[in-house]
Amino acid sequence: MTATGKDAATGKNGLVMKLVSGLSAIALSSLLLLGQSPAQQSTTQAAPSQQQTTQQQPDQSTPADGGPAGDNGAIAIPKKKEAAPTPPPPPEPKVKNPPGLENYSLRVDVPVVTVDVGVILEKTHQFVPNLKEDNFRIFEDGKPQEITHFQQIKAPITAVMLLEFAANSYYFIYDMRNAAYTFAQELRPDDYIAVMTYDMHTQILTDFTTDKRVVMNALNELTIPMWRETNLFDALYQTLDRLSRVEGRKYIILISSGRDTFSKINLDKVLQKIKDTPNVTIFTISTGQLARLMTEGRGGMGGQIREMDYLQADNQMNTFARMTGGMSFFPRFEGELPDDFGLINESIRNQYVLTYTPTNAKQDGTYRKLRVELVDNEGHPLRMQDEKHKPLKYDIIARDGYKAKQEVE
């Protein structure tokens, strides 16, 4: 080794020794400041080694959100999920009009007329089904119109159940209740029904309602009658008077024995009231037929007079129905009621609906007269025949006109 190399090595060794001695002096001064002896220092150095062993064991507990993960780990702070930004609403479309013109709206109101038509046989009062669109002709103010829509529907009804509830034989009350319940069970959600009873007085159990439960509850109240009198003429007259203030087609379902005992109004006045009340059809259901059948020919002269009273009652029930285009039924057994009310429903619910766009499109508020006719395939008036090829007369039930809309500026 050269002299230069020795001097370099000696210089390096001397620098290392000075650093070691300096560090030793610093450590010794630290111990002296802490007031510990070298023996105590050795004891103190042993303790951290044990603590390090203990600290090296992992923490098995699950940290709470935002808490530390252990004594030897860093603090874990979970990051919050940022909500996705709500997209802005689309801009409103801008309508550009020609210069000098403001925004405006255009509305086209095309008038459409709908006519409900019923076709009823005069003799049996039954609805005539299966007619086609080509069989109908409709005229407005004498001018033919083109039918744009045609269908057959079952229309809702507005009816009053007029019930005889007097202290007579149990069989009459039993028949009345069965007939009333049978009719109520066939009601539909859009039917308007009122319930009235009569003995010596007329009582309204429920006004017009579409709730079948209200009708059933009213019928359940018929438990014990108070009077023996059956004032049919007074009750029918009052019912017709109330219905005269109801618009549209109305029906009376009269469930009664047909006898009248103590009315202030006689039969002639009732018949005149029926003629003067438009748009009312009466259907009659007679009660007590089975009881009458079982007692016919018994009781001597008194029994014969009673039988004549009931024959007169049957004739009155037939007259009320015939004058108004209704039907009369005289069921002797409970099993006949569903068929009887089925015919009533078939007659009063079925309708043809005709829709057209009038040729007179003016909205001037004038009244337009309507006329509906039935024609055959060749355009001649439609002729109907029964099974024996005898001609059948029929009635066309439709409104006679309508009021056009009034144009509003």
Protein backbone atom coordinates (compact mmCIF):
# COMPACT_ATOMS: atom_id res chain seq x y z
CA MET A 1 0.00 0.00 0.00
CA THR A 2 1.34 3.40 -0.77
CA ALA A 3 1.68 6.22 1.62
CA THR A 4 -1.15 8.01 0.07
CA GLY A 5 -3.47 4.99 0.51
CA LYS A 6 -2.46 4.61 4.19
CA ASP A 7 -3.16 8.20 4.92
CA ALA A 8 -6.57 7.92 3.32
CA ALA A 9 -7.43 4.80 5.31
CA THR A 10 -6.17 6.35 8.51
CA GLY A 11 -8.27 9.43 7.85
CA LYS A 12 -11.41 7.37 7.29
CA ASN A 13 -10.90 5.31 10.44
CA GLY A 14 -10.37 8.39 12.45
CA LEU A 15 -13.62 9.90 11.13
CA VAL A 16 -15.58 6.74 12.03
CA MET A 17 -14.17 6.69 15.54
CA LYS A 18 -15.14 10.30 16.05
CA LEU A 19 -18.73 9.59 14.95
CA VAL A 20 -19.04 6.59 17.28
CA SER A 21 -17.66 8.50 20.21
CA GLY A 22 -20.04 11.36 19.47
CA LEU A 23 -23.07 9.06 19.41
CA SER A 24 -21.98 7.41 22.64
CA ALA A 25 -21.71 10.78 24.32
CA ILE A 26 -25.22 11.70 23.16
CA ALA A 27 -26.68 8.40 24.47
CA LEU A 28 -24.88 8.81 27.80
CA SER A 29 -26.09 12.34 28.18
CA SER A 30 -29.65 11.15 27.51
CA LEU A 31 -29.42 8.58 30.24
CA LEU A 32 -28.03 11.10 32.66
CA LEU A 33 -30.82 13.54 31.85
CA LEU A 34 -33.42 10.82 32.50
CA GLY A 35 -31.74 9.96 35.78
CA GLN A 36 -31.10 6.34 34.90
CA SER A 37 -28.09 4.24 35.45
CA PRO A 38 -26.61 1.93 32.85
CA ALA A 39 -28.10 -1.06 34.74
CA GLN A 40 -31.51 0.48 34.63
CA GLN A 41 -31.03 1.13 30.92
CA SER A 42 -30.61 -2.58 30.24
CA THR A 43 -33.83 -3.34 32.14
CA THR A 44 -35.67 -0.64 30.27
CA GLN A 45 -34.51 -1.93 26.92
CA ALA A 46 -35.90 -5.38 27.68
CA ALA A 47 -39.44 -4.08 28.14
CA PRO A 48 -39.84 -2.62 24.65
CA SER A 49 -38.91 -5.96 23.17
CA GLN A 50 -41.87 -7.56 25.00
CA GLN A 51 -44.17 -4.73 23.91
CA GLN A 52 -43.07 -5.22 20.33
CA THR A 53 -43.94 -8.92 20.58
CA THR A 54 -47.37 -8.04 21.91
CA GLN A 55 -47.96 -5.35 19.32
CA GLN A 56 -47.16 -7.71 16.49
CA GLN A 57 -50.35 -9.78 17.20
CA PRO A 58 -53.10 -8.68 14.80
CA ASP A 59 -56.34 -7.11 16.12
CA GLN A 60 -59.24 -9.49 15.38
CA SER A 61 -62.02 -7.02 16.20
CA THR A 62 -63.99 -5.44 13.37
CA PRO A 63 -63.56 -1.67 13.40
CA ALA A 64 -66.56 0.56 13.22
CA ASP A 65 -66.96 2.93 10.31
CA GLY A 66 -64.50 5.74 10.74
CA GLY A 67 -62.64 4.00 13.63
CA PRO A 68 -59.13 2.56 13.81
CA ALA A 69 -58.38 -0.86 12.36
CA GLY A 70 -56.03 -1.75 15.28
CA ASP A 71 -53.28 -0.28 17.44
CA ASN A 72 -50.61 -1.12 14.88
CA GLY A 73 -52.56 0.02 11.81
CA ALA A 74 -53.49 3.30 10.29
CA ILE A 75 -56.90 4.93 10.92
CA ALA A 76 -59.41 3.67 8.31
CA ILE A 77 -61.92 6.30 7.16
CA PRO A 78 -64.34 4.90 4.56
CA LYS A 79 -65.08 7.08 1.59
CA LYS A 80 -68.66 8.25 1.06
CA LYS A 81 -70.29 7.32 -2.19
CA GLU A 82 -71.01 10.37 -4.17
CA ALA A 83 -74.57 10.59 -5.51
CA ALA A 84 -74.93 10.67 -9.24
CA PRO A 85 -75.79 14.15 -10.39
CA THR A 86 -79.40 14.67 -11.54
CA PRO A 87 -79.51 15.29 -15.26
CA PRO A 88 -80.94 18.67 -16.15
CA PRO A 89 -84.44 18.76 -17.66
CA PRO A 90 -84.63 18.97 -21.42
CA PRO A 91 -85.10 22.47 -22.69
CA GLU A 92 -88.57 23.49 -23.73
CA PRO A 93 -89.06 23.50 -27.46
CA LYS A 94 -89.10 26.92 -28.92
CA VAL A 95 -91.67 27.60 -31.59
CA LYS A 96 -90.61 30.17 -34.06
CA ASN A 97 -93.45 31.97 -35.77
CA PRO A 98 -93.06 34.19 -38.79
CA PRO A 99 -92.15 37.76 -37.92
CA GLY A 100 -95.10 39.78 -36.72
CA LEU A 101 -97.25 36.74 -35.69
CA GLU A 102 -97.95 35.74 -32.08
CA ASN A 103 -98.33 32.19 -30.74
CA TYR A 104 -101.77 30.69 -31.33
CA SER A 105 -103.64 27.35 -30.88
CA LEU A 106 -106.08 25.66 -33.25
CA ARG A 107 -108.97 23.45 -32.07
CA VAL A 108 -111.37 21.61 -34.33
CA ASP A 109 -114.70 20.53 -32.79
CA VAL A 110 -116.51 17.97 -34.94
CA PRO A 111 -120.11 17.43 -33.72
CA VAL A 112 -121.18 13.82 -33.19
CA VAL A 113 -124.73 12.72 -32.38
CA THR A 114 -125.53 9.46 -30.56
CA VAL A 115 -129.08 8.10 -30.56
CA ASP A 116 -130.33 5.18 -28.43
CA VAL A 117 -133.00 3.17 -30.21
CA GLY A 118 -135.24 0.42 -28.88
CA VAL A 119 -137.39 -1.83 -31.09
CA ILE A 120 -140.26 -3.46 -29.16
CA LEU A 121 -143.05 -5.70 -30.41
CA GLU A 122 -146.47 -4.21 -29.66
CA LYS A 123 -148.10 -7.52 -28.76
CA THR A 124 -145.49 -9.24 -26.61
CA HIS A 125 -143.46 -6.14 -25.65
CA GLN A 126 -140.27 -8.02 -26.34
CA PHE A 127 -137.09 -6.53 -27.70
CA VAL A 128 -136.35 -7.31 -31.35
CA PRO A 129 -132.73 -8.49 -31.55
CA ASN A 130 -130.30 -9.18 -34.40
CA LEU A 131 -131.10 -6.12 -36.49
CA LYS A 132 -128.27 -4.89 -38.71
CA GLU A 133 -126.94 -1.44 -39.43
CA ASP A 134 -128.47 -1.54 -42.92
CA ASN A 135 -131.93 -1.90 -41.35
CA PHE A 136 -131.79 1.59 -39.79
CA ARG A 137 -132.35 4.95 -41.37
CA ILE A 138 -132.00 8.15 -39.38
CA PHE A 139 -133.14 11.63 -40.44
CA GLU A 140 -132.30 15.02 -38.97
CA ASP A 141 -134.75 17.76 -39.87
CA GLY A 142 -135.93 15.53 -42.70
CA LYS A 143 -132.45 15.02 -44.20
CA PRO A 144 -130.91 11.51 -44.22
CA GLN A 145 -127.72 11.03 -42.20
CA GLU A 146 -124.90 8.54 -42.65
CA ILE A 147 -124.45 6.20 -39.70
CA THR A 148 -120.78 6.03 -38.72
CA HIS A 149 -121.05 3.66 -35.74
CA PHE A 150 -123.58 0.99 -34.83
CA GLN A 151 -123.83 -1.46 -31.94
CA GLN A 152 -126.29 -3.27 -29.70
CA ILE A 153 -125.85 -2.70 -25.96
CA LYS A 154 -127.53 -3.43 -22.65
CA ALA A 155 -128.45 -0.01 -21.28
CA PRO A 156 -128.82 0.87 -17.57
CA ILE A 157 -132.28 1.48 -16.16
CA THR A 158 -134.00 3.99 -13.90
CA ALA A 159 -136.79 2.23 -12.06
CA VAL A 160 -138.98 2.30 -8.96
CA MET A 161 -139.91 -0.88 -7.14
CA LEU A 162 -143.44 -0.30 -5.82
CA LEU A 163 -144.22 -3.03 -3.28
CA GLU A 164 -147.49 -3.97 -1.57
CA PHE A 165 -146.66 -4.49 2.12
CA ALA A 166 -149.91 -4.89 4.04
CA ALA A 167 -151.08 -7.11 6.89
CA ASN A 168 -152.76 -9.66 4.64
CA SER A 169 -152.00 -13.33 4.15
CA TYR A 170 -148.42 -14.47 4.75
CA TYR A 171 -148.30 -15.92 1.22
CA PHE A 172 -148.69 -12.48 -0.36
CA ILE A 173 -145.84 -11.02 1.69
CA TYR A 174 -143.68 -14.06 0.98
CA ASP A 175 -144.22 -13.75 -2.78
CA MET A 176 -143.53 -10.02 -2.68
CA ARG A 177 -140.24 -10.46 -0.84
CA ASN A 178 -139.05 -13.22 -3.20
CA ALA A 179 -139.89 -11.16 -6.28
CA ALA A 180 -138.23 -8.03 -4.88
CA TYR A 181 -135.04 -9.89 -3.94
CA THR A 182 -134.91 -11.58 -7.34
CA PHE A 183 -135.12 -8.26 -9.13
CA ALA A 184 -132.58 -6.61 -6.81
CA GLN A 185 -130.05 -9.38 -7.38
CA GLU A 186 -130.07 -8.68 -11.13
CA LEU A 187 -129.26 -4.99 -10.71
CA ARG A 188 -126.10 -3.66 -12.28
CA PRO A 189 -123.69 -1.03 -10.97
CA ASP A 190 -125.07 1.74 -13.21
CA ASP A 191 -128.79 1.10 -12.52
CA TYR A 192 -130.73 3.74 -10.57
CA ILE A 193 -133.33 2.12 -8.31
CA ALA A 194 -135.76 3.51 -5.72
CA VAL A 195 -137.89 1.40 -3.36
CA MET A 196 -141.41 2.38 -2.23
CA THR A 197 -144.00 0.45 -0.25
CA TYR A 198 -147.68 1.03 0.36
CA ASP A 199 -150.48 -0.16 2.59
CA MET A 200 -152.81 2.59 3.77
CA HIS A 201 -149.98 5.09 3.17
CA THR A 202 -147.11 5.32 0.70
CA GLN A 203 -143.59 5.20 2.11
CA ILE A 204 -140.21 5.76 0.43
CA LEU A 205 -137.71 3.25 1.77
CA THR A 206 -134.82 4.55 -0.32
CA ASP A 207 -134.46 7.22 -2.97
CA PHE A 208 -132.72 6.58 -6.29
CA THR A 209 -129.38 4.90 -5.74
CA THR A 210 -126.87 2.79 -7.64
CA ASP A 211 -125.73 0.94 -4.50
CA LYS A 212 -127.25 -2.55 -4.43
CA ARG A 213 -126.48 -2.86 -0.73
CA VAL A 214 -128.74 0.09 0.06
CA VAL A 215 -131.58 -1.59 -1.85
CA MET A 216 -131.03 -4.89 -0.04
CA ASN A 217 -130.96 -3.17 3.35
CA ALA A 218 -134.23 -1.43 2.53
CA LEU A 219 -135.85 -4.76 1.66
CA ASN A 220 -134.57 -6.27 4.90
CA GLU A 221 -136.57 -3.67 6.84
CA LEU A 222 -139.84 -5.20 5.61
CA THR A 223 -140.63 -7.34 8.66
CA ILE A 224 -144.02 -6.52 10.23
CA PRO A 225 -146.74 -4.64 8.27
CA MET A 226 -148.96 -2.15 10.11
CA TRP A 227 -152.18 -1.82 8.10
CA ARG A 228 -154.48 -4.16 6.21
CA GLU A 229 -155.55 -1.64 3.58
CA THR A 230 -153.96 -1.83 0.11
CA ASN A 231 -154.38 1.60 -1.43
CA LEU A 232 -152.89 0.76 -4.82
CA PHE A 233 -154.43 3.63 -6.79
CA ASP A 234 -153.11 6.29 -4.41
CA ALA A 235 -149.63 4.74 -4.38
CA LEU A 236 -149.42 4.39 -8.16
CA TYR A 237 -150.67 7.96 -8.70
CA GLN A 238 -148.04 9.37 -6.31
CA THR A 239 -145.28 7.32 -7.94
CA LEU A 240 -146.20 8.55 -11.41
CA ASP A 241 -146.28 12.13 -10.13
CA ARG A 242 -142.75 11.82 -8.74
CA LEU A 243 -141.41 10.19 -11.90
CA SER A 244 -142.79 12.99 -14.07
CA ARG A 245 -139.96 15.18 -12.73
CA VAL A 246 -137.26 12.64 -13.67
CA GLU A 247 -135.75 12.97 -17.12
CA GLY A 248 -135.31 10.09 -19.53
CA ARG A 249 -136.96 6.72 -19.76
CA LYS A 250 -138.39 5.41 -16.47
CA TYR A 251 -139.84 2.10 -15.31
CA ILE A 252 -142.11 0.97 -12.49
CA ILE A 253 -141.80 -2.59 -11.20
CA LEU A 254 -145.17 -3.07 -9.47
CA ILE A 255 -145.17 -6.15 -7.19
CA SER A 256 -148.68 -6.39 -5.79
CA SER A 257 -151.85 -8.40 -5.50
CA GLY A 258 -153.54 -5.72 -7.63
CA ARG A 259 -156.35 -5.16 -5.13
CA ASP A 260 -157.35 -1.71 -3.93
CA THR A 261 -159.38 -1.30 -0.75
CA PHE A 262 -159.40 2.29 0.48
CA SER A 263 -157.86 4.70 -2.05
CA LYS A 264 -159.05 8.29 -2.38
CA ILE A 265 -158.35 8.22 -6.14
CA ASN A 266 -160.46 5.97 -8.35
CA LEU A 267 -159.33 3.82 -11.25
CA ASP A 268 -160.30 6.32 -13.96
CA LYS A 269 -158.05 9.02 -12.49
CA VAL A 270 -155.16 6.58 -12.30
CA LEU A 271 -155.59 5.59 -15.94
CA GLN A 272 -155.70 9.24 -16.96
CA LYS A 273 -152.52 9.89 -14.96
CA ILE A 274 -150.82 7.04 -16.81
CA LYS A 275 -151.78 8.59 -20.14
CA ASP A 276 -150.51 12.03 -19.10
CA THR A 277 -147.12 10.79 -17.83
CA PRO A 278 -144.67 10.29 -20.73
CA ASN A 279 -141.70 7.91 -20.88
CA VAL A 280 -142.92 5.57 -18.15
CA THR A 281 -143.29 1.81 -18.62
CA ILE A 282 -144.96 -0.35 -15.97
CA PHE A 283 -144.16 -4.03 -15.40
CA THR A 284 -146.42 -5.88 -12.99
CA ILE A 285 -145.75 -9.00 -10.90
CA SER A 286 -148.81 -10.47 -9.20
CA THR A 287 -148.54 -12.01 -5.72
CA GLY A 288 -150.58 -14.70 -3.97
CA GLN A 289 -151.37 -16.75 -7.07
CA LEU A 290 -150.64 -20.08 -5.37
CA ALA A 291 -152.73 -19.20 -2.32
CA ARG A 292 -155.60 -18.20 -4.58
CA LEU A 293 -155.32 -21.47 -6.49
CA MET A 294 -155.53 -23.48 -3.28
CA THR A 295 -158.65 -21.66 -2.04
CA GLU A 296 -160.64 -21.43 -5.28
CA GLY A 297 -164.22 -22.71 -4.95
CA ARG A 298 -164.19 -22.60 -1.14
CA GLY A 299 -165.97 -20.36 1.32
CA GLY A 300 -169.37 -20.11 -0.36
CA MET A 301 -170.60 -16.69 -1.45
CA GLY A 302 -167.82 -14.87 0.40
CA GLY A 303 -165.21 -16.92 -1.42
CA GLN A 304 -166.78 -16.15 -4.81
CA ILE A 305 -166.79 -12.41 -4.08
CA ARG A 306 -163.15 -12.60 -3.05
CA GLU A 307 -162.31 -14.45 -6.25
CA MET A 308 -164.05 -11.76 -8.32
CA ASP A 309 -162.01 -9.12 -6.49
CA TYR A 310 -158.82 -10.89 -7.46
CA LEU A 311 -159.94 -11.30 -11.07
CA GLN A 312 -160.57 -7.57 -11.17
CA ALA A 313 -157.11 -7.05 -9.64
CA ASP A 314 -155.50 -9.17 -12.37
CA ASN A 315 -157.33 -7.15 -15.00
CA GLN A 316 -156.02 -3.90 -13.48
CA MET A 317 -152.45 -5.17 -13.42
CA ASN A 318 -152.76 -6.16 -17.08
CA THR A 319 -154.17 -2.75 -17.98
CA PHE A 320 -151.37 -0.81 -16.27
CA ALA A 321 -148.73 -2.77 -18.16
CA ARG A 322 -150.51 -2.76 -21.53
CA MET A 323 -151.09 0.99 -21.56
CA THR A 324 -147.41 1.74 -21.02
CA GLY A 325 -145.86 -0.96 -23.20
CA GLY A 326 -144.88 -3.19 -20.27
CA MET A 327 -145.62 -6.80 -19.42
CA SER A 328 -147.64 -8.60 -16.74
CA PHE A 329 -146.63 -11.80 -14.95
CA PHE A 330 -148.66 -14.03 -12.64
CA PRO A 331 -146.18 -16.54 -11.18
CA ARG A 332 -147.55 -19.37 -9.07
CA PHE A 333 -144.20 -20.78 -8.02
CA GLU A 334 -140.96 -19.20 -6.91
CA GLY A 335 -139.04 -20.93 -9.70
CA GLU A 336 -140.88 -18.84 -12.31
CA LEU A 337 -139.44 -15.54 -11.07
CA PRO A 338 -135.98 -15.76 -12.69
CA ASP A 339 -137.52 -16.31 -16.12
CA ASP A 340 -140.05 -13.51 -15.63
CA PHE A 341 -137.43 -10.98 -14.61
CA GLY A 342 -135.20 -12.25 -17.39
CA LEU A 343 -137.86 -11.17 -19.90
CA ILE A 344 -138.18 -7.80 -18.16
CA ASN A 345 -134.44 -7.22 -18.33
CA GLU A 346 -134.38 -8.31 -21.96
CA SER A 347 -137.06 -5.78 -22.77
CA ILE A 348 -135.81 -2.72 -20.89
CA ARG A 349 -132.01 -3.08 -21.15
CA ASN A 350 -131.40 -3.92 -24.80
CA GLN A 351 -130.89 -0.98 -27.12
CA TYR A 352 -129.32 -0.14 -30.44
CA VAL A 353 -126.85 2.75 -30.47
CA LEU A 354 -126.56 4.83 -33.66
CA THR A 355 -123.83 7.43 -34.10
CA TYR A 356 -123.55 9.90 -36.97
CA THR A 357 -121.91 13.19 -37.91
CA PRO A 358 -124.68 15.62 -38.89
CA THR A 359 -124.58 17.25 -42.27
CA ASN A 360 -125.54 20.49 -40.58
CA ALA A 361 -122.31 21.24 -38.72
CA LYS A 362 -123.41 24.65 -37.46
CA GLN A 363 -123.18 25.13 -33.72
CA ASP A 364 -126.08 27.53 -33.43
CA GLY A 365 -127.94 26.05 -30.45
CA THR A 366 -131.04 25.16 -32.51
CA TYR A 367 -133.27 22.15 -31.89
CA ARG A 368 -132.93 19.40 -34.51
CA LYS A 369 -135.79 16.95 -35.08
CA LEU A 370 -134.89 13.25 -35.36
CA ARG A 371 -136.70 10.35 -36.97
CA VAL A 372 -135.61 6.70 -37.05
CA GLU A 373 -137.01 4.16 -39.52
CA LEU A 374 -136.50 0.46 -40.18
CA VAL A 375 -136.05 -0.74 -43.77
CA ASP A 376 -135.35 -4.05 -45.48
CA ASN A 377 -132.54 -4.86 -47.88
CA GLU A 378 -134.31 -3.08 -50.74
CA GLY A 379 -134.97 0.09 -48.78
CA HIS A 380 -138.68 -0.56 -48.19
CA PRO A 381 -140.27 -0.32 -44.71
CA LEU A 382 -139.32 -3.40 -42.70
CA ARG A 383 -142.12 -5.94 -42.23
CA MET A 384 -142.02 -8.56 -39.48
CA GLN A 385 -143.94 -11.82 -39.33
CA ASP A 386 -144.52 -14.44 -36.66
CA GLU A 387 -144.21 -18.21 -37.11
CA LYS A 388 -147.62 -18.34 -38.80
CA HIS A 389 -146.58 -15.57 -41.23
CA LYS A 390 -148.91 -13.08 -39.59
CA PRO A 391 -147.67 -9.48 -39.56
CA LEU A 392 -146.18 -8.16 -36.34
CA LYS A 393 -146.38 -4.54 -35.33
CA TYR A 394 -143.45 -2.94 -33.59
CA ASP A 395 -142.59 0.35 -31.91
CA ILE A 396 -139.39 2.31 -32.40
CA ILE A 397 -138.40 4.01 -29.16
CA ALA A 398 -136.02 6.91 -29.67
CA ARG A 399 -135.78 10.55 -28.71
CA ASP A 400 -137.48 12.96 -31.09
CA GLY A 401 -134.64 15.47 -31.29
CA TYR A 402 -131.66 17.14 -29.70
CA LYS A 403 -130.30 20.62 -29.17
CA ALA A 404 -127.15 21.52 -31.06
CA LYS A 405 -124.20 23.03 -29.22
CA GLN A 406 -123.87 26.77 -29.02
CA GLU A 407 -120.58 28.02 -30.39
CA VAL A 408 -118.61 30.01 -27.80
CA GLU A 409 -116.13 32.61 -28.94
